[in-house]
N, C-alpha and C. Protein backbone atom coordinates (compact mmCIF):
# COMPACT_ATOMS: atom_id res chain seq x y z
N MET A 1 27.54 9.41 0.31
CA MET A 1 27.65 10.73 0.03
C MET A 1 28.97 10.32 -0.66
N SER A 2 28.54 11.60 -1.68
CA SER A 2 29.87 11.32 -2.73
C SER A 2 31.59 12.60 -2.16
N ARG A 3 32.76 12.03 -3.03
CA ARG A 3 33.66 11.86 -2.19
C ARG A 3 34.12 13.16 -3.12
N ARG A 4 33.14 13.91 -4.40
CA ARG A 4 34.20 14.86 -5.03
C ARG A 4 33.27 16.46 -4.06
N ARG A 5 32.08 16.66 -4.43
CA ARG A 5 31.57 17.71 -3.90
C ARG A 5 30.47 17.59 -3.60
N ARG A 6 29.70 18.79 -2.76
CA ARG A 6 28.44 18.42 -2.67
C ARG A 6 27.27 18.73 -3.25
N ALA A 7 25.85 17.70 -3.12
CA ALA A 7 25.59 17.94 -4.73
C ALA A 7 24.31 19.17 -4.31
N VAL A 8 24.37 20.19 -5.52
CA VAL A 8 23.10 21.02 -5.76
C VAL A 8 21.71 20.46 -5.72
N ARG A 9 21.31 21.07 -4.44
CA ARG A 9 19.75 21.23 -4.21
C ARG A 9 19.25 21.77 -5.14
N ARG A 10 18.32 21.30 -6.24
CA ARG A 10 17.42 21.52 -7.62
C ARG A 10 16.15 22.29 -6.66
N LYS A 11 15.57 23.39 -7.17
CA LYS A 11 14.50 23.87 -7.29
C LYS A 11 13.55 23.29 -7.51
N MET A 12 12.36 22.77 -6.24
CA MET A 12 11.45 22.93 -6.40
C MET A 12 10.20 23.74 -7.49
N VAL A 13 9.23 22.60 -8.23
CA VAL A 13 8.31 23.64 -8.74
C VAL A 13 7.12 23.61 -8.16
N PRO A 14 6.86 24.45 -7.93
CA PRO A 14 5.51 25.29 -7.19
C PRO A 14 4.41 23.79 -7.66
N ASP A 15 3.15 23.29 -6.74
CA ASP A 15 2.28 22.46 -7.56
C ASP A 15 1.27 23.86 -8.34
N PRO A 16 0.61 23.29 -9.20
CA PRO A 16 -0.30 24.03 -10.11
C PRO A 16 -1.20 24.95 -9.19
N LYS A 17 -1.67 23.97 -8.45
CA LYS A 17 -3.19 24.52 -7.98
C LYS A 17 -3.60 25.03 -6.66
N PHE A 18 -2.27 25.28 -5.83
CA PHE A 18 -2.29 25.83 -4.49
C PHE A 18 -0.84 26.77 -4.71
N GLY A 19 -0.03 26.05 -5.16
CA GLY A 19 1.52 26.81 -5.69
C GLY A 19 2.43 26.38 -4.29
N SER A 20 2.22 25.67 -3.94
CA SER A 20 2.88 25.08 -2.22
C SER A 20 4.65 23.79 -2.64
N ILE A 21 5.21 24.89 -2.67
CA ILE A 21 6.10 23.87 -2.28
C ILE A 21 6.16 22.65 -1.72
N GLU A 22 5.85 22.54 -0.54
CA GLU A 22 5.57 21.30 0.20
C GLU A 22 4.75 20.13 -0.21
N LEU A 23 3.06 20.57 -0.62
CA LEU A 23 2.29 19.89 -1.74
C LEU A 23 2.99 19.34 -2.61
N SER A 24 3.78 19.77 -3.69
CA SER A 24 4.57 19.43 -4.27
C SER A 24 5.42 18.38 -4.00
N ARG A 25 6.13 18.26 -2.85
CA ARG A 25 6.98 17.50 -2.44
C ARG A 25 6.25 15.80 -1.86
N PHE A 26 4.67 15.87 -1.48
CA PHE A 26 4.06 15.32 -0.67
C PHE A 26 3.76 14.58 -1.78
N ILE A 27 3.42 15.32 -3.18
CA ILE A 27 2.63 14.34 -4.29
C ILE A 27 3.60 14.00 -5.00
N ASN A 28 5.07 14.31 -5.11
CA ASN A 28 6.14 13.28 -5.63
C ASN A 28 6.06 12.41 -4.51
N LYS A 29 5.83 12.31 -3.41
CA LYS A 29 6.01 10.82 -2.39
C LYS A 29 4.77 10.23 -2.78
N VAL A 30 4.09 10.68 -3.36
CA VAL A 30 2.49 9.77 -3.86
C VAL A 30 2.38 9.20 -4.81
N MET A 31 3.54 9.44 -5.94
CA MET A 31 3.68 9.18 -7.30
C MET A 31 4.34 8.37 -7.63
N LEU A 32 3.72 6.68 -8.14
CA LEU A 32 4.44 5.85 -7.96
C LEU A 32 4.56 5.85 -9.69
N SER A 33 5.91 4.64 -10.37
CA SER A 33 6.00 5.12 -11.26
C SER A 33 6.04 5.59 -12.25
N GLY A 34 6.64 7.09 -11.90
CA GLY A 34 6.45 8.34 -12.73
C GLY A 34 5.00 8.95 -13.29
N LYS A 35 4.34 8.63 -12.72
CA LYS A 35 3.21 8.91 -12.63
C LYS A 35 2.82 10.02 -12.31
N LEU A 36 2.51 11.28 -12.71
CA LEU A 36 2.54 12.78 -11.62
C LEU A 36 1.00 13.11 -11.86
N THR A 37 0.60 13.21 -12.71
CA THR A 37 -0.72 13.51 -12.75
C THR A 37 -2.00 12.30 -12.49
N THR A 38 -1.26 11.36 -11.99
CA THR A 38 -2.35 10.42 -10.89
C THR A 38 -2.40 11.00 -9.91
N ALA A 39 -1.26 10.85 -9.82
CA ALA A 39 -0.96 11.18 -8.09
C ALA A 39 -1.36 12.85 -7.74
N GLN A 40 -1.15 13.68 -8.85
CA GLN A 40 -1.91 14.97 -8.42
C GLN A 40 -3.08 14.68 -8.03
N ARG A 41 -3.84 13.73 -8.96
CA ARG A 41 -5.87 13.64 -8.94
C ARG A 41 -6.02 13.01 -7.59
N ILE A 42 -5.35 12.09 -7.38
CA ILE A 42 -5.44 11.62 -5.60
C ILE A 42 -5.02 12.80 -4.67
N VAL A 43 -4.05 13.68 -4.94
CA VAL A 43 -3.92 14.63 -3.17
C VAL A 43 -4.41 15.47 -3.49
N TYR A 44 -5.17 15.86 -4.86
CA TYR A 44 -6.39 17.01 -4.91
C TYR A 44 -7.85 16.95 -4.54
N SER A 45 -8.02 14.99 -4.37
CA SER A 45 -9.40 14.50 -4.64
C SER A 45 -9.30 14.32 -2.68
N ALA A 46 -8.17 13.92 -2.06
CA ALA A 46 -7.98 13.50 -0.82
C ALA A 46 -8.12 15.14 -0.75
N LEU A 47 -7.66 16.36 -1.04
CA LEU A 47 -7.91 17.35 0.01
C LEU A 47 -9.17 18.09 0.12
N ASP A 48 -9.60 17.94 -0.87
CA ASP A 48 -11.10 18.38 -0.99
C ASP A 48 -12.18 17.62 -0.45
N GLU A 49 -11.49 16.82 -0.11
CA GLU A 49 -12.71 15.28 0.65
C GLU A 49 -12.36 15.67 2.31
N ALA A 50 -11.19 16.09 2.53
CA ALA A 50 -10.87 16.59 3.69
C ALA A 50 -11.21 17.94 4.15
N GLU A 51 -11.18 18.78 3.21
CA GLU A 51 -11.74 20.40 3.55
C GLU A 51 -13.41 19.85 3.73
N GLY A 52 -14.20 19.36 2.60
CA GLY A 52 -15.65 18.61 3.05
C GLY A 52 -15.91 18.19 4.54
N GLN A 53 -15.21 17.11 5.41
CA GLN A 53 -15.34 17.03 6.29
C GLN A 53 -14.64 17.91 7.42
N ALA A 54 -13.73 18.48 7.46
CA ALA A 54 -13.16 19.13 8.60
C ALA A 54 -13.66 20.74 8.65
N ARG A 55 -14.44 21.18 7.22
CA ARG A 55 -14.80 22.54 7.40
C ARG A 55 -14.06 23.53 7.62
N ARG A 56 -12.80 23.20 7.12
CA ARG A 56 -11.83 24.28 6.48
C ARG A 56 -11.18 24.18 5.91
N PRO A 57 -10.03 24.48 5.25
CA PRO A 57 -9.66 24.95 4.06
C PRO A 57 -8.47 23.66 3.95
N GLY A 58 -8.30 22.83 2.77
CA GLY A 58 -8.02 22.08 2.56
C GLY A 58 -6.31 22.02 2.87
N MET A 59 -5.60 22.94 2.46
CA MET A 59 -4.70 23.28 3.03
C MET A 59 -3.82 23.32 4.00
N GLU A 60 -4.93 24.14 4.83
CA GLU A 60 -5.04 24.26 5.92
C GLU A 60 -4.85 23.21 6.94
N VAL A 61 -5.43 21.83 6.55
CA VAL A 61 -5.41 20.56 7.51
C VAL A 61 -4.42 20.24 6.64
N PHE A 62 -4.23 20.15 5.67
CA PHE A 62 -2.82 19.63 5.37
C PHE A 62 -1.60 20.11 6.30
N GLU A 63 -1.33 21.14 6.20
CA GLU A 63 -0.16 22.09 7.15
C GLU A 63 -0.30 20.94 8.14
N GLN A 64 -1.42 21.48 8.95
CA GLN A 64 -1.82 20.51 10.15
C GLN A 64 -1.45 19.18 10.55
N ALA A 65 -1.69 18.53 9.77
CA ALA A 65 -1.74 17.24 9.48
C ALA A 65 0.22 16.86 10.03
N ILE A 66 0.82 17.46 8.43
CA ILE A 66 2.22 17.36 8.44
C ILE A 66 2.65 17.99 9.80
N ARG A 67 2.00 19.01 10.81
CA ARG A 67 3.04 19.31 11.56
C ARG A 67 2.75 18.36 13.15
N ASN A 68 1.38 17.85 13.26
CA ASN A 68 1.63 16.97 13.80
C ASN A 68 2.04 15.94 13.92
N SER A 69 2.61 15.19 12.93
CA SER A 69 3.37 14.35 12.67
C SER A 69 4.65 14.39 12.28
N THR A 70 4.70 15.36 12.27
CA THR A 70 7.09 16.14 12.09
C THR A 70 7.29 15.41 13.54
N PRO A 71 8.76 14.72 13.53
CA PRO A 71 9.15 13.69 14.72
C PRO A 71 10.28 15.20 15.02
N LEU A 72 10.68 14.99 16.48
CA LEU A 72 11.36 16.40 17.06
C LEU A 72 12.78 15.74 17.09
N LEU A 73 12.78 14.64 17.53
CA LEU A 73 14.34 13.78 17.96
C LEU A 73 14.40 12.64 16.90
N GLU A 74 15.68 11.97 16.91
CA GLU A 74 15.89 10.95 16.29
C GLU A 74 16.64 10.38 17.28
N VAL A 75 16.31 8.66 17.35
CA VAL A 75 17.54 7.90 17.46
C VAL A 75 18.58 7.45 16.84
N LYS A 76 20.15 7.66 17.35
CA LYS A 76 21.33 6.96 16.74
C LYS A 76 21.95 6.31 17.23
N SER A 77 22.41 5.37 16.93
CA SER A 77 23.46 4.43 17.62
C SER A 77 24.55 4.92 17.57
N ARG A 78 25.49 5.20 19.14
CA ARG A 78 26.64 5.22 19.40
C ARG A 78 27.77 4.07 20.02
N ARG A 79 28.81 4.09 19.38
CA ARG A 79 29.08 2.84 20.18
C ARG A 79 30.16 3.32 20.75
N VAL A 80 30.28 2.76 21.85
CA VAL A 80 31.89 3.37 23.21
C VAL A 80 31.99 1.97 23.63
N GLY A 81 33.03 1.58 23.50
CA GLY A 81 33.99 0.70 24.00
C GLY A 81 33.28 -0.20 23.67
N GLY A 82 32.84 -1.08 24.05
CA GLY A 82 32.10 -2.43 23.44
C GLY A 82 30.33 -2.64 23.71
N ALA A 83 30.25 -1.60 23.94
CA ALA A 83 28.34 -0.69 24.35
C ALA A 83 28.00 -0.19 22.90
N THR A 84 26.47 -0.28 22.38
CA THR A 84 26.16 0.18 22.13
C THR A 84 25.14 1.14 22.72
N TYR A 85 24.82 2.29 22.53
CA TYR A 85 23.82 3.59 23.06
C TYR A 85 23.14 3.90 22.00
N GLN A 86 21.78 4.06 22.51
CA GLN A 86 20.87 4.85 21.99
C GLN A 86 20.85 6.47 22.03
N VAL A 87 21.54 7.26 21.56
CA VAL A 87 21.43 8.45 21.45
C VAL A 87 21.00 9.46 20.85
N PRO A 88 19.75 10.60 21.90
CA PRO A 88 19.10 11.55 20.11
C PRO A 88 19.46 11.73 20.29
N THR A 89 19.07 12.53 19.21
CA THR A 89 19.71 13.77 18.51
C THR A 89 18.42 14.78 17.52
N ASP A 90 18.42 16.08 17.49
CA ASP A 90 17.60 16.55 16.49
C ASP A 90 17.97 16.60 15.37
N ILE A 91 16.70 17.15 14.60
CA ILE A 91 16.41 16.30 13.07
C ILE A 91 16.92 17.84 12.35
N ARG A 92 17.13 17.82 11.28
CA ARG A 92 17.13 18.83 10.54
C ARG A 92 15.54 19.15 10.03
N TYR A 93 15.59 20.36 9.52
CA TYR A 93 13.90 20.38 8.73
C TYR A 93 13.96 19.53 7.94
N GLU A 94 14.43 19.41 6.59
CA GLU A 94 14.08 18.84 5.55
C GLU A 94 13.86 17.58 5.92
N ARG A 95 14.59 16.63 7.33
CA ARG A 95 14.44 15.70 7.30
C ARG A 95 13.25 15.34 7.62
N ARG A 96 13.27 16.46 8.68
CA ARG A 96 11.83 15.96 9.20
C ARG A 96 10.46 16.19 8.50
N MET A 97 10.57 17.01 7.97
CA MET A 97 8.96 17.10 6.57
C MET A 97 9.16 16.12 5.76
N ALA A 98 10.10 15.26 5.67
CA ALA A 98 10.26 13.84 4.57
C ALA A 98 9.99 13.26 5.42
N LEU A 99 10.40 12.88 6.53
CA LEU A 99 9.98 11.54 7.51
C LEU A 99 8.03 11.76 7.83
N ALA A 100 7.84 13.19 8.19
CA ALA A 100 6.23 13.13 8.24
C ALA A 100 5.54 12.63 6.96
N MET A 101 5.69 13.55 5.91
CA MET A 101 5.27 12.87 4.61
C MET A 101 4.97 11.51 4.79
N ARG A 102 6.47 10.92 4.76
CA ARG A 102 6.45 9.45 3.94
C ARG A 102 5.52 9.12 4.80
N TRP A 103 5.11 9.52 6.13
CA TRP A 103 4.74 7.93 7.54
C TRP A 103 3.24 8.65 6.91
N LEU A 104 2.57 9.72 6.14
CA LEU A 104 1.33 10.05 6.12
C LEU A 104 1.49 8.64 4.86
N VAL A 105 1.70 9.23 3.88
CA VAL A 105 1.40 8.16 2.00
C VAL A 105 1.78 6.84 2.88
N VAL A 106 3.07 6.50 3.81
CA VAL A 106 2.51 4.60 4.26
C VAL A 106 1.37 4.38 4.74
N ALA A 107 1.08 5.01 5.57
CA ALA A 107 0.19 4.92 6.51
C ALA A 107 -1.63 4.91 5.80
N ALA A 108 -1.52 5.89 5.01
CA ALA A 108 -2.84 5.84 3.67
C ALA A 108 -2.32 4.41 3.33
N ARG A 109 -1.34 3.94 2.68
CA ARG A 109 -1.11 2.68 1.63
C ARG A 109 -1.17 1.63 2.33
N ALA A 110 -1.27 2.06 3.81
CA ALA A 110 -1.49 0.22 4.61
C ALA A 110 -2.81 0.49 4.87
N ARG A 111 -3.94 1.24 4.60
CA ARG A 111 -5.04 0.85 4.54
C ARG A 111 -5.94 -0.05 3.39
N SER A 112 -7.01 -0.02 4.02
CA SER A 112 -7.35 -1.29 2.53
C SER A 112 -8.34 -1.27 2.80
N GLY A 113 -8.94 -1.23 1.41
CA GLY A 113 -10.59 -1.66 1.16
C GLY A 113 -11.16 -0.54 0.07
N ARG A 114 -10.20 1.20 -0.23
CA ARG A 114 -11.29 1.88 -0.30
C ARG A 114 -9.89 2.76 -1.70
N PRO A 115 -10.23 3.48 -1.94
CA PRO A 115 -9.73 4.22 -3.18
C PRO A 115 -8.19 5.13 -2.61
N MET A 116 -7.66 5.23 -3.28
CA MET A 116 -6.24 5.30 -2.72
C MET A 116 -6.64 7.12 -1.97
N SER A 117 -7.29 8.17 -2.72
CA SER A 117 -7.43 9.42 -2.00
C SER A 117 -8.58 9.42 -1.00
N GLU A 118 -9.67 8.18 -0.63
CA GLU A 118 -9.96 8.13 0.75
C GLU A 118 -9.62 7.98 1.58
N ARG A 119 -8.02 6.92 1.39
CA ARG A 119 -7.47 6.47 2.92
C ARG A 119 -6.86 7.80 2.90
N LEU A 120 -5.92 8.12 2.01
CA LEU A 120 -5.17 9.59 1.94
C LEU A 120 -5.93 10.88 2.88
N ALA A 121 -7.31 11.48 2.15
CA ALA A 121 -7.74 11.68 2.91
C ALA A 121 -7.79 11.46 4.60
N GLN A 122 -8.29 10.43 4.73
CA GLN A 122 -9.09 10.12 6.43
C GLN A 122 -7.50 9.98 7.28
N GLU A 123 -6.12 10.00 6.23
CA GLU A 123 -5.39 9.60 7.47
C GLU A 123 -4.78 11.61 7.69
N ILE A 124 -4.94 12.04 6.72
CA ILE A 124 -4.59 13.24 6.60
C ILE A 124 -5.42 14.04 7.90
N LEU A 125 -6.74 13.83 7.95
CA LEU A 125 -8.37 14.55 8.66
C LEU A 125 -7.51 14.21 10.23
N GLU A 126 -7.31 12.40 9.98
CA GLU A 126 -7.05 12.14 11.68
C GLU A 126 -5.44 12.64 12.31
N ALA A 127 -4.52 12.53 11.46
CA ALA A 127 -3.09 13.46 11.58
C ALA A 127 -3.75 14.77 12.22
N SER A 128 -4.66 15.72 11.16
CA SER A 128 -4.88 16.98 11.42
C SER A 128 -5.22 17.14 13.25
N ARG A 129 -6.08 16.45 13.43
CA ARG A 129 -6.56 15.94 14.90
C ARG A 129 -5.49 15.28 15.76
N GLY A 130 -4.28 14.84 15.53
CA GLY A 130 -3.66 14.85 16.17
C GLY A 130 -3.59 13.01 16.42
N GLN A 131 -4.18 12.15 15.74
CA GLN A 131 -4.31 11.14 16.04
C GLN A 131 -4.06 10.12 14.94
N GLY A 132 -4.07 8.69 14.64
CA GLY A 132 -3.65 8.37 13.21
C GLY A 132 -2.78 7.76 13.16
N THR A 133 -2.04 7.24 12.31
CA THR A 133 -1.30 5.96 12.37
C THR A 133 -0.19 6.89 11.94
N ALA A 134 0.32 7.65 11.40
CA ALA A 134 1.35 8.61 10.85
C ALA A 134 2.27 9.18 12.33
N VAL A 135 0.92 9.86 13.40
CA VAL A 135 1.35 10.80 14.30
C VAL A 135 1.65 9.65 15.40
N LYS A 136 1.45 8.59 15.67
CA LYS A 136 1.05 7.23 17.07
C LYS A 136 2.88 7.36 16.37
N ARG A 137 3.83 7.33 14.96
CA ARG A 137 4.48 6.24 14.64
C ARG A 137 5.80 7.84 14.87
């Protein structure tokens, strides 16, 4: 944490296809080595595939997946005397979204044998149904 002043939050540019800032953040989480267009291609094809399988709009499936994999509480260690306790605390909205997106991407990368867009589409579909690795976490 900076001792000088609070960090200025930069404005995110919405993604070009859907105009969503949340999707733009998700694309940035998928991106590796600064390859934005590759990450966009992966995410858009995953949303198209999820839309075809779920028979609902792709953004709707994505938003449902994010909602289902979002944590409500998190435990933090509190040291009282000589004992350490795990204390449940509420999470800020920004951190909730960051964790949900990170868990979706990590779960999709953990799958093997198929292209990343297919793995991501499967994880988004399962998370939108309330199942999948990201939701279990």
